[in-house]
């Protein structure tokens, strides 16, 4: 792969990492709500 491809892939992986982190935050909030209401 050429340099541009690598840069593009790096950006995509960083975005996926950010999305994964946000999903984890949401899961933690939901878990907290469930525990509060149980």
Protein backbone atom coordinates (compact mmCIF):
# COMPACT_ATOMS: atom_id res chain seq x y z
CA UNK A 1 0.00 0.00 0.00
CA UNK A 2 1.19 3.50 -0.72
CA UNK A 3 1.59 6.23 1.87
CA UNK A 4 -1.83 7.76 1.20
CA UNK A 5 -3.52 4.41 1.82
CA UNK A 6 -1.68 3.99 5.11
CA UNK A 7 -2.67 7.50 6.24
CA UNK A 8 -6.29 6.82 5.30
CA UNK A 9 -6.31 3.50 7.16
CA UNK A 10 -4.73 5.13 10.22
CA UNK A 11 -7.46 7.78 10.25
CA UNK A 12 -10.16 5.10 9.94
CA UNK A 13 -8.68 3.06 12.79
CA UNK A 14 -8.47 6.16 15.00
CA UNK A 15 -12.11 6.94 14.23
CA UNK A 16 -13.13 3.36 15.06
CA UNK A 17 -11.24 3.60 18.33
CA UNK A 18 -13.09 6.82 19.21
CA UNK A 19 -16.43 5.21 18.34
CA UNK A 20 -15.60 2.16 20.44
CA UNK A 21 -14.71 4.39 23.40
CA UNK A 22 -18.02 6.27 23.06
CA UNK A 23 -19.95 2.99 22.94
CA UNK A 24 -18.18 1.89 26.10
CA UNK A 25 -19.18 5.16 27.79
CA UNK A 26 -22.81 4.61 26.76
CA UNK A 27 -22.70 1.02 28.05
CA UNK A 28 -21.36 2.24 31.39
CA UNK A 29 -24.15 4.82 31.69
CA UNK A 30 -26.80 2.21 30.85
CA UNK A 31 -25.27 -0.20 33.36
CA UNK A 32 -25.37 2.52 36.01
CA UNK A 33 -29.03 3.24 35.29
CA UNK A 34 -29.91 -0.45 35.47
CA UNK A 35 -28.08 -0.87 38.78
CA UNK A 36 -29.81 2.22 40.24
CA UNK A 37 -33.24 0.90 39.29
CA UNK A 38 -32.78 -2.70 40.41
